[in-house]
Structures are given as C-alpha cells and as structure tokens.
Amino acid sequence: MKVVAIIQARMGSTRLPAKVMKPLLDRPMIEHVMHRVGQAKTLDDVVLATTDLPRDNVLASLAEQHGWNCFRGSEDDVLDRYYGAALATNADVVVRITSDCPLMDPSLIDAAVKKFLAALPEADYLCNWLPERTYPRGLELEVLTFEALERVWREDHNKLWREHVTSYIDYRRELFNIHGMMHDRGLSHLRWTVDEPSDYELISRIYDHFGHADFSWIEALELVESTPELSKINADVKQKAWPVTAEEWEKA
C-alpha cells in the first residue's frame, strides 16, 4: 500500500505574498516543509503540488533542483490538483499537508498514518482536529484513501469547497467513515501556521532559536510555553473563515 504525502504550495498567497519562499535560516520555507515531511517513516513518497501558472515556475524549478516529485495543476481547483497528484504517483493513501506549516512534525505524520492504516479497510478519512481541535494551528494534517479522494473529486461541484480540497467530507460526514486524532491536552490556542507577517516573525524566532530544522514540535512547544512573549507575537491574527456553510452548498 503506497502512502503519499501531497504538499500544496503556490506563490500567489494574498495576505503574505510568496510566503512559501520566505527564508528560514537562509533557506526557503518550502524547503523546510519538504524536509520535515520527508523524515516521516510511514511515507513512500512526498509530492510538491503547485499550479501551472508561470509565477509558480520558481517552485517547479526548486523541485527539480532538489529532486522532489512535483505535480502541477489548477490554482483554484486544489481538489483536482490533489487528485491529479495522487493519480500520477499511484497513491493508495494520501496525506494532505499545506506548505504554510513549517513546524509540521514527522512523528505526528507517522502517528496519524499508523492509526489510519490500523483502521482500514473501514476507514475513509482521518484528521487531527476531530472530535475537537487540540493541536496548535499549523500542525493540521489529513489522511484519506485514494477512493475517498476520488469520490470527493467526482461528487463535489462547489468551487469554494474544491479550493479547500476536503470540505465535502466535513459537510457530508454521513457519507464517510471518519476517524480523528487528538492530543492529550488542548493547545488549539497556539498559532503556528504562516498567513500574516506576524506569523512569519514567530516561526522565524523559533527556527532562529534552534538554529536548525530538525527540532520536534514538542521542543517547539516547550520553547513557546517557557517564553510567553513568543505567542504574543501573532496573538491578534484572526483565522480565515471557513469558505461556505452546508446550507449555502445546497444553493451552489
């Protein structure tokens, strides 16, 4: 059974333009994401899924330079991009990760994949924010079968949902066998994703403290909890609203 992590990335971010190329320890953020994800022992392949727009040529070139598997597709229909990447790599199980999460931890990926594989063949999908969000924002990941991804790709006709890949599963939970993974204490108040300049400042401070990219998320947690001023850096950032409600989907 082939397990493939697909990492979506593009240069067209609006709140923090070209954020995936912003430096952390003098290397682009996307390099650190690819490196950290690639350390997961349960993965057979890691794919950078970018767009077919000219402005994302820089990401395709970076992938070629580093020997990363790269797939290019639609900017807005990210679901189609994921489906194409999964098809191209003959994935049986897909792990979805976004490129704005430079603290993503290989041990967390391994725990999620192992839990998901143990639940097969019944399981369709697993995420680490159900039954409730307990991990810091920026450590989100999803694991799903290729069959579940293909069903979503075939049945979801909502353009906004397709941009967010798995919204159809969230709003049509009765159609899928869904599993969750939670941490043993609530840490959802912590924000480790990179959307705004203050998010980037926080992550830069964390990377600068360790001086390398191989620290664990637990080590990052210990640093943040022992240095309260760090979490204050991006405490005012509001998470972007979920794209559409179930009721609005019916009208789409």
Protein backbone atom coordinates (compact mmCIF):
# COMPACT_ATOMS: atom_id res chain seq x y z
CA MET A 1 0.00 0.00 0.00
CA LYS A 2 1.59 3.23 -1.18
CA VAL A 3 1.31 6.21 1.18
CA VAL A 4 1.98 9.59 -0.46
CA ALA A 5 2.13 12.99 1.21
CA ILE A 6 0.96 15.79 -1.08
CA ILE A 7 2.01 19.30 -0.09
CA GLN A 8 0.13 22.12 -1.78
CA ALA A 9 2.13 25.28 -2.48
CA ARG A 10 1.83 28.39 -4.63
CA MET A 11 3.36 31.84 -4.91
CA GLY A 12 0.00 33.62 -5.15
CA SER A 13 -0.80 33.97 -1.45
CA THR A 14 -2.54 37.28 -0.81
CA ARG A 15 -2.02 38.12 2.87
CA LEU A 16 1.70 37.32 2.78
CA PRO A 17 2.83 37.26 -0.86
CA ALA A 18 5.25 34.48 -1.88
CA LYS A 19 5.30 33.25 1.70
CA VAL A 20 6.50 29.75 0.79
CA MET A 21 9.78 31.26 -0.44
CA LYS A 22 10.38 33.43 2.61
CA PRO A 23 13.64 32.47 4.30
CA LEU A 24 14.01 30.50 7.49
CA LEU A 25 17.68 30.02 8.40
CA ASP A 26 18.57 31.30 4.92
CA ARG A 27 16.53 28.63 3.12
CA PRO A 28 13.02 28.99 1.65
CA MET A 29 10.24 27.91 3.98
CA ILE A 30 9.02 25.31 1.48
CA GLU A 31 12.41 23.56 1.68
CA HIS A 32 11.98 23.10 5.41
CA VAL A 33 8.43 21.81 4.99
CA MET A 34 9.53 19.29 2.37
CA HIS A 35 12.49 18.23 4.53
CA ARG A 36 10.48 17.77 7.71
CA VAL A 37 7.66 15.88 5.99
CA GLY A 38 10.20 13.73 4.20
CA GLN A 39 11.53 12.45 7.52
CA ALA A 40 8.28 10.58 8.22
CA LYS A 41 8.95 6.83 8.15
CA THR A 42 5.44 5.85 7.03
CA LEU A 43 5.61 7.74 3.73
CA ASP A 44 6.57 6.18 0.43
CA ASP A 45 6.65 9.45 -1.47
CA VAL A 46 6.31 13.20 -0.98
CA VAL A 47 4.93 15.40 -3.76
CA LEU A 48 5.01 19.15 -4.15
CA ALA A 49 1.68 20.07 -5.78
CA THR A 50 1.89 23.54 -7.27
CA THR A 51 -0.02 25.34 -10.01
CA ASP A 52 0.52 25.50 -13.74
CA LEU A 53 0.78 29.32 -13.65
CA PRO A 54 4.05 30.94 -14.79
CA ARG A 55 4.58 32.57 -11.40
CA ASP A 56 4.90 29.10 -9.87
CA ASN A 57 7.71 28.10 -12.22
CA VAL A 58 10.05 29.02 -9.38
CA LEU A 59 8.57 26.23 -7.26
CA ALA A 60 8.80 23.70 -10.08
CA SER A 61 12.42 24.72 -10.63
CA LEU A 62 13.16 24.35 -6.93
CA ALA A 63 11.63 20.88 -7.01
CA GLU A 64 13.81 19.92 -9.96
CA GLN A 65 16.88 21.31 -8.22
CA HIS A 66 16.24 19.21 -5.10
CA GLY A 67 14.92 16.12 -6.84
CA TRP A 68 11.43 16.46 -5.37
CA ASN A 69 8.47 14.86 -7.05
CA CYS A 70 6.37 17.73 -8.45
CA PHE A 71 2.89 17.89 -9.91
CA ARG A 72 1.33 20.99 -11.47
CA GLY A 73 -2.37 21.71 -11.84
CA SER A 74 -5.15 24.21 -11.27
CA GLU A 75 -4.59 27.12 -8.88
CA ASP A 76 -8.22 27.39 -7.76
CA ASP A 77 -9.38 23.77 -8.07
CA VAL A 78 -6.96 22.43 -5.49
CA LEU A 79 -9.02 19.25 -5.18
CA ASP A 80 -8.33 18.49 -8.85
CA ARG A 81 -4.64 19.21 -8.25
CA TYR A 82 -4.58 16.71 -5.38
CA TYR A 83 -6.43 14.11 -7.40
CA GLY A 84 -4.02 14.52 -10.30
CA ALA A 85 -1.00 14.24 -7.99
CA ALA A 86 -2.43 11.11 -6.37
CA LEU A 87 -3.09 9.55 -9.78
CA ALA A 88 0.38 10.43 -11.02
CA THR A 89 2.05 8.73 -8.05
CA ASN A 90 -0.28 5.71 -7.85
CA ALA A 91 -1.16 6.61 -4.27
CA ASP A 92 -3.33 4.24 -2.24
CA VAL A 93 -3.37 6.58 0.76
CA VAL A 94 -2.96 10.35 0.59
CA VAL A 95 -1.64 12.56 3.39
CA ARG A 96 -2.66 16.18 2.88
CA ILE A 97 -0.33 18.88 4.21
CA THR A 98 -0.14 22.58 3.39
CA SER A 99 3.08 24.45 2.73
CA ASP A 100 2.41 27.17 5.30
CA CYS A 101 3.06 24.77 8.20
CA PRO A 102 6.86 24.79 8.73
CA LEU A 103 6.56 23.14 12.16
CA MET A 104 4.86 20.03 10.75
CA ASP A 105 6.41 17.07 12.54
CA PRO A 106 7.30 13.69 11.01
CA SER A 107 6.40 11.88 14.23
CA LEU A 108 2.92 13.39 14.06
CA ILE A 109 2.56 12.24 10.46
CA ASP A 110 3.68 8.74 11.42
CA ALA A 111 1.20 8.57 14.30
CA ALA A 112 -1.68 9.65 12.05
CA VAL A 113 -0.78 7.27 9.22
CA LYS A 114 -0.35 4.31 11.58
CA LYS A 115 -3.70 5.00 13.21
CA PHE A 116 -5.36 5.29 9.82
CA LEU A 117 -3.82 2.13 8.40
CA ALA A 118 -4.86 0.21 11.52
CA ALA A 119 -8.47 1.28 10.87
CA LEU A 120 -8.51 0.01 7.27
CA PRO A 121 -10.42 -1.22 5.35
CA GLU A 122 -13.32 0.54 7.09
CA ALA A 123 -11.69 3.97 7.40
CA ASP A 124 -12.06 6.55 4.65
CA TYR A 125 -10.55 9.61 6.29
CA LEU A 126 -8.67 10.77 9.38
CA CYS A 127 -7.76 14.25 10.59
CA ASN A 128 -6.17 15.55 13.77
CA TRP A 129 -8.84 18.13 14.63
CA LEU A 130 -11.68 15.72 15.39
CA PRO A 131 -13.53 15.10 17.65
CA GLU A 132 -12.16 18.54 18.58
CA ARG A 133 -9.12 20.68 17.84
CA THR A 134 -6.32 20.06 20.34
CA TYR A 135 -3.12 20.56 18.35
CA PRO A 136 -1.67 24.01 17.61
CA ARG A 137 -2.97 25.51 14.39
CA GLY A 138 -0.29 24.77 11.84
CA LEU A 139 0.01 21.08 12.69
CA GLU A 140 -3.15 20.09 10.79
CA LEU A 141 -2.96 17.03 8.61
CA GLU A 142 -5.42 14.72 6.89
CA VAL A 143 -5.11 11.10 5.78
CA LEU A 144 -7.56 9.54 3.32
CA THR A 145 -7.82 6.66 0.90
CA PHE A 146 -7.46 7.29 -2.79
CA GLU A 147 -11.02 6.00 -3.16
CA ALA A 148 -12.32 8.66 -0.76
CA LEU A 149 -10.36 11.37 -2.58
CA GLU A 150 -11.74 10.17 -5.90
CA ARG A 151 -15.29 10.21 -4.57
CA VAL A 152 -14.87 13.78 -3.33
CA TRP A 153 -13.33 14.77 -6.67
CA ARG A 154 -16.27 13.23 -8.53
CA GLU A 155 -19.16 14.42 -6.32
CA ASP A 156 -18.12 17.86 -5.05
CA HIS A 157 -19.31 20.52 -7.50
CA ASN A 158 -18.83 23.52 -5.22
CA LYS A 159 -15.96 25.70 -6.43
CA LEU A 160 -15.23 27.12 -2.99
CA TRP A 161 -15.15 23.68 -1.41
CA ARG A 162 -12.87 22.31 -4.11
CA GLU A 163 -10.40 25.08 -3.28
CA HIS A 164 -10.21 23.65 0.24
CA VAL A 165 -9.99 20.02 -1.01
CA THR A 166 -11.86 18.11 1.71
CA SER A 167 -14.74 20.41 2.64
CA TYR A 168 -17.15 17.91 1.08
CA ILE A 169 -16.12 15.31 3.65
CA ASP A 170 -16.63 17.75 6.50
CA TYR A 171 -20.12 18.74 5.37
CA ARG A 172 -21.15 15.25 4.25
CA ARG A 173 -19.82 13.29 7.19
CA GLU A 174 -22.60 10.73 6.92
CA LEU A 175 -21.10 9.52 3.63
CA PHE A 176 -17.66 8.66 5.03
CA ASN A 177 -16.10 6.59 7.79
CA ILE A 178 -14.23 9.33 9.63
CA HIS A 179 -11.59 8.94 12.34
CA GLY A 180 -9.94 11.57 14.50
CA MET A 181 -6.75 12.04 16.45
CA MET A 182 -6.34 14.26 19.47
CA HIS A 183 -3.50 15.39 21.70
CA ASP A 184 -3.80 14.72 25.42
CA ARG A 185 -4.27 18.40 26.22
CA GLY A 186 -5.74 21.40 24.48
CA LEU A 187 -3.24 23.51 22.54
CA SER A 188 -5.53 24.96 19.90
CA HIS A 189 -4.91 28.48 21.19
CA LEU A 190 -1.40 28.33 19.71
CA ARG A 191 -0.99 29.53 16.13
CA TRP A 192 1.94 28.06 14.19
CA THR A 193 0.73 28.49 10.61
CA VAL A 194 2.05 31.27 8.38
CA ASP A 195 -0.57 33.58 6.88
CA GLU A 196 0.43 37.02 8.15
CA PRO A 197 3.74 38.86 8.72
CA SER A 198 3.45 38.31 12.48
CA ASP A 199 3.02 34.56 11.92
CA TYR A 200 6.24 34.55 9.92
CA GLU A 201 8.01 36.52 12.65
CA LEU A 202 7.04 33.92 15.25
CA ILE A 203 8.18 30.98 13.14
CA SER A 204 11.43 32.78 12.31
CA ARG A 205 12.10 33.30 16.01
CA ILE A 206 11.52 29.60 16.69
CA TYR A 207 13.84 28.49 13.87
CA ASP A 208 16.50 31.00 14.91
CA HIS A 209 16.38 29.69 18.47
CA PHE A 210 17.18 26.12 17.42
CA GLY A 211 19.50 27.04 14.55
CA HIS A 212 18.41 24.00 12.52
CA ALA A 213 15.21 22.47 11.10
CA ASP A 214 15.16 19.11 12.89
CA PHE A 215 13.60 20.12 16.19
CA SER A 216 10.36 18.39 17.17
CA TRP A 217 7.01 20.07 17.67
CA ILE A 218 7.26 19.13 21.36
CA GLU A 219 10.55 21.02 21.60
CA ALA A 220 8.88 23.99 19.91
CA LEU A 221 6.03 23.74 22.42
CA GLU A 222 8.45 23.73 25.35
CA LEU A 223 10.14 26.83 23.93
CA VAL A 224 6.87 28.69 23.38
CA GLU A 225 5.46 27.80 26.79
CA SER A 226 8.68 28.82 28.54
CA THR A 227 8.81 32.09 26.59
CA PRO A 228 5.30 33.60 26.77
CA GLU A 229 6.20 36.65 24.70
CA LEU A 230 6.58 34.42 21.64
CA SER A 231 2.88 33.55 21.43
CA LYS A 232 2.00 37.21 21.83
CA ILE A 233 3.68 38.00 18.51
CA ASN A 234 0.74 36.72 16.44
CA ALA A 235 -1.96 36.57 19.09
CA ASP A 236 -4.10 39.13 17.25
CA VAL A 237 -4.22 37.24 13.94
CA LYS A 238 -7.70 36.02 13.06
CA GLN A 239 -8.07 32.70 11.30
CA LYS A 240 -9.59 32.97 7.84
CA ALA A 241 -13.26 31.96 7.86
CA TRP A 242 -14.34 28.57 6.51
CA PRO A 243 -15.46 29.10 2.91
CA VAL A 244 -19.13 28.15 2.87
CA THR A 245 -21.83 26.62 5.04
CA ALA A 246 -23.69 23.40 4.34
CA GLU A 247 -26.86 25.37 3.64
CA GLU A 248 -25.08 27.58 1.11
CA TRP A 249 -23.69 24.45 -0.56
CA GLU A 250 -27.22 23.34 -1.38
CA LYS A 251 -27.68 26.55 -3.39
CA ALA A 252 -24.31 26.41 -5.15
